[in-house]
Amino acid sequence: FCLLALYVLSDSFTSQWQSKIYRDYGKIDHFQMMFGVNVSSMIITTVALIFSGEVPQIIEFLSYNPNALYYNIITAVCSTTGQFAIFYTIKRFGPDVFTVIMTTRQMLSIVVSNYLFNHSMSLQSYTGAVIVFGVISYSIFRRIRDKRAREGGR
């Protein structure tokens, strides 16, 4: 539960923070944002690997499993493609639309997983999904309503 809560908090913080950077520093494009996020991530990961002493294990693993490097490169390319879409969406449409997209993707993933692997969902799961989509929908509705009110009710 704690890890899930941390994931949700971090995920919502990140898109809000990126939206604020786009708003406050208008000259930043999604390529610069992606570069900054990825460099920061590389630094944090490298420092963590050095302090944990896992660098020799990684080198040994890659020397015995050269295909792993190939799969890491493929994963990086796919991740980069996804990041382009994420940063563009946040800059163009804002964090609320991005949240709807990601929540919908996660819900579809759960539904497909339940169908393919014959899992069942409890009433609490359905209730949670309805609450999450309700809150997000209300947030979007309120933003559209406020925008129309500012524009003179068009």
Protein backbone atom coordinates (compact mmCIF):
# COMPACT_ATOMS: atom_id res chain seq x y z
CA PHE A 1 0.00 0.00 0.00
CA CYS A 2 2.81 2.41 0.89
CA LEU A 3 4.60 1.78 -2.41
CA LEU A 4 1.37 2.30 -4.35
CA ALA A 5 0.67 5.53 -2.45
CA LEU A 6 4.24 6.73 -3.12
CA TYR A 7 3.83 5.89 -6.82
CA VAL A 8 0.56 7.84 -7.10
CA LEU A 9 1.98 10.85 -5.23
CA SER A 10 5.17 10.88 -7.30
CA ASP A 11 3.28 10.44 -10.55
CA SER A 12 0.89 13.29 -9.83
CA PHE A 13 3.69 15.54 -8.54
CA THR A 14 5.81 15.00 -11.66
CA SER A 15 3.22 16.09 -14.22
CA GLN A 16 2.18 19.09 -12.10
CA TRP A 17 5.82 20.11 -11.64
CA GLN A 18 6.52 19.79 -15.38
CA SER A 19 3.42 21.82 -16.21
CA LYS A 20 4.62 24.55 -13.82
CA ILE A 21 8.05 24.62 -15.49
CA TYR A 22 6.43 24.93 -18.93
CA ARG A 23 4.23 27.76 -17.62
CA ASP A 24 6.95 29.66 -15.73
CA TYR A 25 9.72 29.19 -18.28
CA GLY A 26 7.83 29.40 -21.58
CA LYS A 27 10.89 28.81 -23.74
CA ILE A 28 11.38 25.23 -22.54
CA ASP A 29 10.22 22.63 -25.03
CA HIS A 30 9.53 18.96 -24.41
CA PHE A 31 12.97 17.95 -25.73
CA GLN A 32 14.72 20.10 -23.12
CA MET A 33 12.40 18.81 -20.40
CA MET A 34 13.11 15.23 -21.43
CA PHE A 35 16.85 15.87 -21.46
CA GLY A 36 16.77 17.41 -17.98
CA VAL A 37 14.66 14.61 -16.51
CA ASN A 38 16.79 11.88 -18.09
CA VAL A 39 20.13 13.42 -17.07
CA SER A 40 18.84 13.77 -13.50
CA SER A 41 17.65 10.19 -13.56
CA MET A 42 20.99 8.95 -14.90
CA ILE A 43 22.90 10.80 -12.18
CA ILE A 44 20.67 9.47 -9.39
CA THR A 45 20.86 5.90 -10.74
CA THR A 46 24.64 6.03 -11.22
CA VAL A 47 25.22 7.37 -7.72
CA ALA A 48 22.90 4.71 -6.25
CA LEU A 49 24.72 1.93 -8.16
CA ILE A 50 28.14 3.18 -7.07
CA PHE A 51 27.17 3.49 -3.39
CA SER A 52 25.44 0.10 -3.37
CA GLY A 53 28.50 -1.55 -4.95
CA GLU A 54 26.49 -3.14 -7.75
CA VAL A 55 28.51 -1.82 -10.72
CA PRO A 56 30.81 -4.90 -10.90
CA GLN A 57 27.77 -7.20 -10.80
CA ILE A 58 26.18 -5.32 -13.69
CA ILE A 59 29.36 -5.52 -15.76
CA GLU A 60 29.69 -9.23 -15.01
CA PHE A 61 26.04 -9.86 -15.88
CA LEU A 62 26.34 -8.01 -19.20
CA SER A 63 29.56 -9.87 -20.07
CA TYR A 64 27.81 -13.23 -19.55
CA ASN A 65 24.54 -12.06 -21.15
CA PRO A 66 25.37 -9.78 -24.09
CA ASN A 67 21.76 -9.95 -25.34
CA ALA A 68 20.69 -8.11 -22.18
CA LEU A 69 22.38 -4.95 -23.48
CA TYR A 70 20.43 -5.29 -26.73
CA TYR A 71 17.15 -5.60 -24.81
CA ASN A 72 18.09 -2.63 -22.62
CA ILE A 73 18.66 -0.53 -25.74
CA ILE A 74 15.28 -1.58 -27.16
CA THR A 75 13.63 -0.70 -23.84
CA ALA A 76 15.37 2.69 -23.84
CA VAL A 77 14.15 3.47 -27.36
CA CYS A 78 10.58 2.52 -26.45
CA SER A 79 10.80 4.54 -23.24
CA THR A 80 12.10 7.56 -25.14
CA THR A 81 9.25 7.35 -27.62
CA GLY A 82 6.78 7.23 -24.74
CA GLN A 83 8.47 10.19 -23.06
CA PHE A 84 8.11 12.28 -26.21
CA ALA A 85 4.36 11.65 -26.10
CA ILE A 86 4.16 12.33 -22.36
CA PHE A 87 6.08 15.62 -22.40
CA TYR A 88 4.24 16.84 -25.50
CA THR A 89 0.87 16.01 -23.92
CA ILE A 90 1.71 17.80 -20.67
CA LYS A 91 2.98 20.88 -22.50
CA ARG A 92 0.14 21.03 -25.04
CA PHE A 93 -2.87 19.92 -22.99
CA GLY A 94 -1.79 20.16 -19.35
CA PRO A 95 -1.42 17.69 -16.49
CA ASP A 96 -5.16 17.00 -16.13
CA VAL A 97 -5.48 15.55 -19.62
CA PHE A 98 -2.28 13.58 -19.07
CA THR A 99 -3.70 12.19 -15.82
CA VAL A 100 -6.85 11.07 -17.63
CA ILE A 101 -4.80 9.38 -20.33
CA MET A 102 -2.57 7.56 -17.84
CA THR A 103 -5.45 6.54 -15.58
CA THR A 104 -7.39 5.25 -18.58
CA ARG A 105 -4.33 3.32 -19.75
CA GLN A 106 -3.89 1.75 -16.32
CA MET A 107 -7.57 0.86 -16.07
CA LEU A 108 -7.53 -0.71 -19.54
CA SER A 109 -4.43 -2.64 -18.55
CA ILE A 110 -6.24 -3.98 -15.48
CA VAL A 111 -9.32 -4.92 -17.52
CA VAL A 112 -7.24 -6.69 -20.18
CA SER A 113 -5.22 -8.48 -17.49
CA ASN A 114 -8.41 -9.59 -15.76
CA TYR A 115 -9.78 -10.90 -19.02
CA LEU A 116 -6.62 -12.64 -20.28
CA PHE A 117 -5.64 -14.20 -16.95
CA ASN A 118 -9.16 -14.78 -15.63
CA HIS A 119 -8.69 -12.53 -12.57
CA SER A 120 -11.63 -11.05 -10.74
CA MET A 121 -12.14 -7.55 -9.38
CA SER A 122 -13.83 -6.84 -6.08
CA LEU A 123 -16.57 -4.31 -5.50
CA GLN A 124 -13.98 -2.09 -3.78
CA SER A 125 -11.89 -2.11 -6.98
CA TYR A 126 -14.83 -1.00 -9.09
CA THR A 127 -15.77 1.63 -6.49
CA GLY A 128 -12.21 2.99 -6.46
CA ALA A 129 -12.17 3.20 -10.26
CA VAL A 130 -15.46 5.09 -10.30
CA ILE A 131 -14.21 7.53 -7.63
CA VAL A 132 -10.93 8.18 -9.46
CA PHE A 133 -12.63 8.78 -12.82
CA GLY A 134 -15.30 10.89 -11.13
CA VAL A 135 -12.74 13.18 -9.51
CA ILE A 136 -10.73 13.52 -12.70
CA SER A 137 -13.85 14.14 -14.80
CA TYR A 138 -15.06 16.78 -12.36
CA SER A 139 -11.67 18.48 -12.43
CA ILE A 140 -11.73 18.64 -16.23
CA PHE A 141 -15.37 19.78 -16.28
CA ARG A 142 -14.59 22.54 -13.76
CA ARG A 143 -11.58 23.71 -15.79
CA ILE A 144 -13.65 23.85 -19.00
CA ARG A 145 -16.47 25.68 -17.20
CA ASP A 146 -14.04 28.23 -15.74
CA LYS A 147 -12.39 28.76 -19.12
CA ARG A 148 -15.76 29.38 -20.80
CA ALA A 149 -16.72 31.81 -18.03
CA ARG A 150 -13.49 33.77 -18.57
CA GLU A 151 -14.08 33.86 -22.33
CA GLY A 152 -17.57 35.28 -21.91
CA GLY A 153 -19.71 32.12 -21.99
CA ARG A 154 -19.08 30.97 -25.53
